Amino acid sequence: MTGAPPPRHATIEDVARAAGVSRAAVSKVLRNAYGVSDGMRERVTAAMAELNYRPRIAARAMRGRTYTLGIELPDLANHFFARIARGATSALEGTPYQLIIAPAEAGSREGLRALEALVDRQVDGVIAVSPRVDEAGLERISGSVPVVMFGRHDTSDRYDVVAGDDAAGARAAMQHLFDLGHRRIAHLTLHESGAFEPFPHGVRLREYEAAMDAAGLGERAMVWRTDEGEGPSAEVVRRMLADGTTATAVFAAHDELAFGAMRAASEAGVPLAVVGYDDVPMASHPGLGLTTVHQPGEAMGARAVEMLLERIAGRTEPMHEIFEIELKVRTSTRAPSG
């Protein structure tokens, strides 16, 4: 007795017939091409769901598409990067694309290796999250695949840029501390390799120094350098407190560093005001109450994906989009005690 023949997989022609459109129309929906009406997209998507149609990867590759997008993340422990990935994933709902995440350790070689690994997997586009790779390296990669630079303030016309308004955010953080009466303010940031322009930490450092100078406090500026993460930043602040620092407030380059500063100050019983940057979910926890600069990570991640899909669909002119920030004032900042 012979078994039943294997079920036949639905084809793009089957989808076109069920949706009442042409094969070319289905292809346009699959490619998320310009000019596809909402009605056509709904009909084709419904037909695909009804027929359980799944474009085969091999067939996609033969047509020059793998329907995958890559995102390079420099630090998986940073909760802000998780928000970026969440926004990027949400923007792909209803499309045939999937997201591939490539972690990259600190350092230019590792960042470049992660990006090149994504290109080797033949992704259709790459989101590079503030990698320590120079513009020339990114321009070389963008010659073979569309690239969106996330976070950095690059000026290249070879790829797109999505970033927050780091200058405005740093100014808002500093003004808040000045308004509370602080004059001895330290800036907690990464070592030189991770804190220079066009990187966001470099912009925040520049604005900190400019704010101190403008207030006539340039000689009191204190830049504390740390490795990445809450643990290393806490150790740096512990050392500064033990050495008798006069700082009454710390502006940290991002929230993970701010949490380290808060931990060290709490352990030492020092009423140190702390401002962070990014507004990760933990910042609003009532037990922490971190005052921080909010960046719309999910919206920024979604926009990066939209830019890639626009590039894949045919856009050629570069786009540089800067998102507004908002200072979230919570309990970690207060007037100096003395």
Protein backbone atom coordinates (compact mmCIF):
# COMPACT_ATOMS: atom_id res chain seq x y z
CA MET A 1 0.00 0.00 0.00
CA THR A 2 1.50 3.29 -1.05
CA GLY A 3 1.31 6.33 1.18
CA ALA A 4 -0.52 9.47 0.27
CA PRO A 5 1.50 11.91 -1.85
CA PRO A 6 3.12 14.76 0.09
CA PRO A 7 1.05 17.92 0.23
CA ARG A 8 1.81 20.44 -2.47
CA HIS A 9 3.21 23.75 -1.22
CA ALA A 10 1.29 26.82 -2.28
CA THR A 11 2.99 28.88 -4.98
CA ILE A 12 3.02 32.58 -5.70
CA GLU A 13 0.58 31.85 -8.55
CA ASP A 14 -1.82 30.25 -6.05
CA VAL A 15 -1.66 33.36 -3.88
CA ALA A 16 -2.26 35.64 -6.87
CA ARG A 17 -5.28 33.58 -7.94
CA ALA A 18 -6.77 33.52 -4.43
CA ALA A 19 -6.26 37.27 -3.98
CA GLY A 20 -7.54 38.12 -7.44
CA VAL A 21 -4.38 40.00 -8.39
CA SER A 22 -1.46 39.43 -10.71
CA ARG A 23 1.70 37.51 -9.86
CA ALA A 24 3.60 40.79 -10.15
CA ALA A 25 1.29 42.36 -7.55
CA VAL A 26 2.03 39.55 -5.09
CA SER A 27 5.75 40.03 -5.73
CA LYS A 28 5.42 43.74 -4.98
CA VAL A 29 3.73 42.99 -1.67
CA LEU A 30 6.46 40.50 -0.77
CA ARG A 31 9.13 43.09 -1.56
CA ASN A 32 7.25 45.84 0.27
CA ALA A 33 7.65 47.91 -2.90
CA TYR A 34 6.46 51.46 -3.37
CA GLY A 35 2.98 51.95 -4.80
CA VAL A 36 1.24 49.01 -3.11
CA SER A 37 -2.21 50.05 -1.87
CA ASP A 38 -3.48 49.02 1.56
CA GLY A 39 -6.33 47.10 -0.07
CA MET A 40 -4.01 45.07 -2.27
CA ARG A 41 -1.70 44.36 0.66
CA GLU A 42 -4.63 43.14 2.77
CA ARG A 43 -5.93 40.84 0.02
CA VAL A 44 -2.52 39.34 -0.66
CA THR A 45 -1.70 38.93 3.04
CA ALA A 46 -5.06 37.23 3.66
CA ALA A 47 -4.50 34.87 0.74
CA MET A 48 -1.02 34.00 2.01
CA ALA A 49 -2.40 33.20 5.45
CA GLU A 50 -5.25 31.12 4.01
CA LEU A 51 -2.89 29.09 1.83
CA ASN A 52 -0.11 28.96 4.45
CA TYR A 53 2.21 30.36 1.80
CA ARG A 54 5.87 30.72 2.83
CA PRO A 55 8.36 31.93 0.21
CA ARG A 56 11.28 29.54 0.17
CA ILE A 57 14.65 31.00 1.15
CA ALA A 58 16.43 29.44 -1.83
CA ALA A 59 13.95 30.98 -4.24
CA ARG A 60 14.33 34.33 -2.54
CA ALA A 61 18.10 34.21 -2.86
CA MET A 62 17.84 33.41 -6.57
CA ARG A 63 15.71 36.53 -6.98
CA GLY A 64 18.33 38.55 -5.08
CA ARG A 65 16.43 38.65 -1.78
CA THR A 66 16.76 36.62 1.42
CA TYR A 67 14.05 38.56 3.28
CA THR A 68 16.30 38.98 6.27
CA LEU A 69 17.60 42.17 7.89
CA GLY A 70 20.59 42.23 10.21
CA ILE A 71 21.11 44.34 13.32
CA GLU A 72 24.50 44.65 15.02
CA LEU A 73 24.30 45.29 18.77
CA PRO A 74 27.46 46.28 20.68
CA ASP A 75 26.28 45.26 24.15
CA LEU A 76 23.46 42.80 24.80
CA ALA A 77 23.44 43.73 28.51
CA ASN A 78 22.37 47.30 27.72
CA HIS A 79 18.59 47.45 28.06
CA PHE A 80 18.30 50.37 25.65
CA PHE A 81 19.53 48.15 22.85
CA ALA A 82 16.76 45.68 23.67
CA ARG A 83 14.25 48.51 23.11
CA ILE A 84 15.82 49.20 19.71
CA ALA A 85 15.51 45.54 18.72
CA ARG A 86 11.91 45.45 19.97
CA GLY A 87 11.01 48.44 17.82
CA ALA A 88 12.75 46.97 14.79
CA THR A 89 10.92 43.67 15.21
CA SER A 90 7.54 45.38 15.55
CA ALA A 91 8.13 47.27 12.30
CA LEU A 92 8.55 43.95 10.47
CA GLU A 93 5.14 42.61 11.51
CA GLY A 94 3.07 41.97 8.41
CA THR A 95 6.13 41.79 6.16
CA PRO A 96 8.01 38.68 4.96
CA TYR A 97 11.21 39.90 6.62
CA GLN A 98 12.95 38.49 9.68
CA LEU A 99 15.56 40.11 11.91
CA ILE A 100 18.97 38.56 12.58
CA ILE A 101 20.86 39.87 15.63
CA ALA A 102 24.66 39.93 15.61
CA PRO A 103 26.30 40.78 18.94
CA ALA A 104 29.57 42.70 18.79
CA GLU A 105 32.04 43.10 21.63
CA ALA A 106 33.67 46.47 22.23
CA GLY A 107 36.36 47.44 19.74
CA SER A 108 36.52 48.31 16.05
CA ARG A 109 37.63 44.86 14.84
CA GLU A 110 34.76 43.12 16.61
CA GLY A 111 32.20 45.67 15.37
CA LEU A 112 33.41 45.32 11.80
CA ARG A 113 33.46 41.52 12.12
CA ALA A 114 29.82 41.46 13.22
CA LEU A 115 28.75 43.66 10.31
CA GLU A 116 30.72 41.59 7.80
CA ALA A 117 29.19 38.39 9.23
CA LEU A 118 25.73 39.78 8.51
CA VAL A 119 26.70 40.70 4.97
CA ASP A 120 28.15 37.19 4.48
CA ARG A 121 24.72 35.80 5.43
CA GLN A 122 23.32 37.79 2.49
CA VAL A 123 20.96 39.91 4.55
CA ASP A 124 19.04 42.48 2.51
CA GLY A 125 19.97 45.35 4.82
CA VAL A 126 21.95 46.15 7.97
CA ILE A 127 21.25 48.30 11.03
CA ALA A 128 24.57 49.19 12.65
CA VAL A 129 24.05 50.32 16.26
CA SER A 130 26.84 52.82 16.96
CA PRO A 131 29.67 50.45 16.05
CA ARG A 132 33.26 51.57 16.56
CA VAL A 133 33.93 51.38 12.84
CA ASP A 134 35.03 54.38 10.80
CA GLU A 135 32.88 55.87 8.05
CA ALA A 136 35.14 54.44 5.34
CA GLY A 137 34.47 50.91 6.58
CA LEU A 138 30.74 51.53 6.71
CA GLU A 139 30.74 53.07 3.23
CA ARG A 140 32.49 49.97 1.93
CA ILE A 141 29.79 47.76 3.46
CA SER A 142 27.02 50.03 2.16
CA GLY A 143 28.36 49.48 -1.34
CA SER A 144 26.98 45.93 -1.22
CA VAL A 145 23.97 46.23 1.11
CA PRO A 146 21.82 49.12 2.42
CA VAL A 147 23.01 50.36 5.82
CA VAL A 148 21.32 52.44 8.50
CA MET A 149 23.65 53.85 11.12
CA PHE A 150 21.89 53.98 14.49
CA GLY A 151 23.01 56.40 17.18
CA ARG A 152 26.03 58.00 15.57
CA HIS A 153 25.95 61.43 13.97
CA ASP A 154 27.69 60.46 10.73
CA THR A 155 27.63 62.77 7.73
CA SER A 156 28.21 60.23 4.95
CA ASP A 157 25.85 60.29 1.98
CA ARG A 158 26.38 56.56 1.36
CA TYR A 159 24.06 55.34 4.12
CA ASP A 160 21.15 56.51 6.29
CA VAL A 161 21.33 57.72 9.90
CA VAL A 162 18.89 57.48 12.80
CA ALA A 163 19.97 59.17 16.03
CA GLY A 164 18.69 60.99 19.08
CA ASP A 165 19.37 64.66 19.70
CA ASP A 166 22.34 64.01 21.99
CA ALA A 167 23.37 67.65 22.14
CA ALA A 168 19.94 68.77 23.36
CA GLY A 169 19.75 65.83 25.78
CA ALA A 170 23.08 66.62 27.41
CA ARG A 171 22.20 70.29 27.69
CA ALA A 172 18.86 69.42 29.35
CA ALA A 173 20.61 67.14 31.86
CA MET A 174 23.17 69.79 32.76
CA GLN A 175 20.61 72.59 33.00
CA HIS A 176 18.53 70.47 35.37
CA LEU A 177 21.51 70.02 37.68
CA PHE A 178 22.40 73.72 37.49
CA ASP A 179 18.80 74.66 38.33
CA LEU A 180 18.99 72.46 41.44
CA GLY A 181 22.06 74.40 42.57
CA HIS A 182 24.82 71.96 41.63
CA ARG A 183 28.15 73.42 40.54
CA ARG A 184 30.50 70.50 41.18
CA ILE A 185 29.26 68.10 38.52
CA ALA A 186 31.19 65.09 37.22
CA HIS A 187 30.62 63.40 33.87
CA LEU A 188 30.84 59.60 33.94
CA THR A 189 31.63 58.27 30.48
CA LEU A 190 33.55 55.56 28.64
CA HIS A 191 37.26 55.52 27.97
CA GLU A 192 38.66 57.48 25.03
CA SER A 193 38.07 54.64 22.57
CA GLY A 194 34.32 54.89 23.12
CA ALA A 195 33.80 58.57 23.74
CA PHE A 196 34.59 60.73 20.73
CA GLU A 197 32.46 62.27 18.02
CA PRO A 198 30.45 61.32 16.00
CA PHE A 199 29.61 58.78 18.71
CA PRO A 200 26.74 59.77 21.04
CA HIS A 201 28.98 59.62 24.12
CA GLY A 202 31.38 62.01 22.42
CA VAL A 203 28.58 64.51 21.77
CA ARG A 204 27.40 64.24 25.38
CA LEU A 205 30.95 64.80 26.65
CA ARG A 206 31.35 67.84 24.42
CA GLU A 207 28.09 69.37 25.68
CA TYR A 208 29.01 68.67 29.32
CA GLU A 209 32.28 70.54 28.91
CA ALA A 210 30.57 73.36 27.01
CA ALA A 211 27.94 73.72 29.74
CA MET A 212 30.58 73.84 32.48
CA ASP A 213 32.56 76.45 30.53
CA ALA A 214 29.46 78.57 29.87
CA ALA A 215 28.67 78.55 33.60
CA GLY A 216 32.20 79.67 34.43
CA LEU A 217 32.98 76.27 35.91
CA GLY A 218 35.41 74.93 33.34
CA GLU A 219 38.16 74.50 35.91
CA ARG A 220 35.81 72.37 38.05
CA ALA A 221 34.97 69.95 35.25
CA MET A 222 35.52 66.32 36.23
CA VAL A 223 35.48 63.57 33.60
CA TRP A 224 35.43 60.10 35.12
CA ARG A 225 36.30 57.27 32.72
CA THR A 226 34.95 53.76 33.02
CA ASP A 227 34.61 50.49 31.16
CA GLU A 228 31.15 49.51 29.96
CA GLY A 229 28.55 48.28 32.45
CA GLU A 230 27.11 48.90 35.89
CA GLY A 231 29.85 46.99 37.75
CA PRO A 232 32.85 48.88 36.33
CA SER A 233 31.11 52.25 36.69
CA ALA A 234 30.26 51.52 40.34
CA GLU A 235 33.91 50.68 41.00
CA VAL A 236 35.07 53.96 39.43
CA VAL A 237 32.63 56.02 41.52
CA ARG A 238 33.58 54.10 44.69
CA ARG A 239 37.20 55.04 44.04
CA MET A 240 36.35 58.69 43.44
CA LEU A 241 34.30 58.87 46.64
CA ALA A 242 37.05 57.17 48.63
CA ASP A 243 39.54 59.71 47.25
CA GLY A 244 37.38 62.54 48.59
CA THR A 245 35.82 63.93 45.40
CA THR A 246 33.99 67.23 45.81
CA ALA A 247 31.36 66.29 43.23
CA THR A 248 27.76 66.64 44.39
CA ALA A 249 26.25 65.36 41.13
CA VAL A 250 27.05 62.97 38.30
CA PHE A 251 25.82 63.15 34.73
CA ALA A 252 26.30 59.63 33.34
CA ALA A 253 26.64 58.94 29.62
CA HIS A 254 23.95 56.24 29.79
CA ASP A 255 21.68 54.55 32.32
CA GLU A 256 23.80 51.46 33.01
CA LEU A 257 26.64 53.75 34.12
CA ALA A 258 24.18 55.82 36.15
CA PHE A 259 22.98 52.71 38.01
CA GLY A 260 26.59 51.99 38.95
CA ALA A 261 27.01 55.53 40.28
CA MET A 262 23.82 55.21 42.32
CA ARG A 263 24.97 51.89 43.78
CA ALA A 264 28.34 53.31 44.83
CA ALA A 265 26.80 56.45 46.36
CA SER A 266 24.22 54.41 48.27
CA GLU A 267 26.86 52.04 49.65
CA ALA A 268 28.96 55.00 50.79
CA GLY A 269 25.99 56.90 52.24
CA VAL A 270 26.78 59.91 50.04
CA PRO A 271 23.82 62.00 48.76
CA LEU A 272 25.07 62.12 45.17
CA ALA A 273 22.57 63.39 42.58
CA VAL A 274 22.66 61.23 39.44
CA VAL A 275 21.33 61.82 35.93
CA GLY A 276 21.41 59.08 33.29
CA TYR A 277 20.68 58.85 29.59
CA ASP A 278 18.32 56.62 27.52
CA ASP A 279 15.49 55.95 30.02
CA VAL A 280 15.65 52.16 30.10
CA PRO A 281 12.60 50.47 31.72
CA MET A 282 14.38 49.97 35.05
CA ALA A 283 14.97 53.72 35.37
CA SER A 284 11.33 54.31 36.31
CA HIS A 285 11.29 51.63 39.02
CA PRO A 286 10.14 53.35 42.24
CA GLY A 287 13.08 51.88 44.12
CA LEU A 288 15.50 53.62 41.77
CA GLY A 289 13.72 56.66 40.34
CA LEU A 290 16.53 57.58 37.97
CA THR A 291 16.33 61.03 36.44
CA THR A 292 17.33 60.47 32.84
CA VAL A 293 17.09 61.66 29.26
CA HIS A 294 14.42 59.70 27.45
CA GLN A 295 15.11 58.49 23.92
CA PRO A 296 12.25 56.78 22.03
CA GLY A 297 14.19 53.58 21.42
CA GLU A 298 11.29 51.57 20.01
CA ALA A 299 10.30 54.34 17.57
CA MET A 300 13.91 54.80 16.51
CA GLY A 301 14.38 51.08 15.91
CA ALA A 302 11.18 50.95 13.88
CA ARG A 303 12.26 53.93 11.79
CA ALA A 304 15.62 52.28 11.05
CA VAL A 305 13.78 49.26 9.65
CA GLU A 306 11.48 51.49 7.60
CA MET A 307 14.50 53.21 6.10
CA LEU A 308 16.02 49.88 5.10
CA LEU A 309 12.80 48.74 3.46
CA GLU A 310 12.61 52.05 1.58
CA ARG A 311 16.16 51.53 0.34
CA ILE A 312 15.38 47.96 -0.72
CA ALA A 313 12.31 49.26 -2.56
CA GLY A 314 14.37 51.72 -4.56
CA ARG A 315 15.09 54.91 -2.63
CA THR A 316 18.62 56.16 -3.36
CA GLU A 317 18.91 59.54 -1.64
CA PRO A 318 20.40 59.43 1.90
CA MET A 319 18.30 60.31 4.94
CA HIS A 320 19.48 61.58 8.34
CA GLU A 321 16.72 61.63 10.96
CA ILE A 322 17.20 63.02 14.48
CA PHE A 323 14.66 62.16 17.18
CA GLU A 324 13.68 64.56 19.95
CA ILE A 325 14.53 63.77 23.57
CA GLU A 326 12.75 64.46 26.87
CA LEU A 327 14.19 64.84 30.35
CA LYS A 328 12.42 62.57 32.85
CA VAL A 329 12.88 64.03 36.34
CA ARG A 330 12.67 61.48 39.16
CA THR A 331 14.00 61.05 42.68
CA SER A 332 17.70 60.47 41.93
CA THR A 333 18.32 64.21 41.64
CA ARG A 334 17.97 66.76 44.42
CA ALA A 335 19.64 69.98 45.57
CA PRO A 336 23.15 69.62 47.04
CA SER A 337 23.11 68.96 50.76
CA GLY A 338 25.75 71.46 51.67
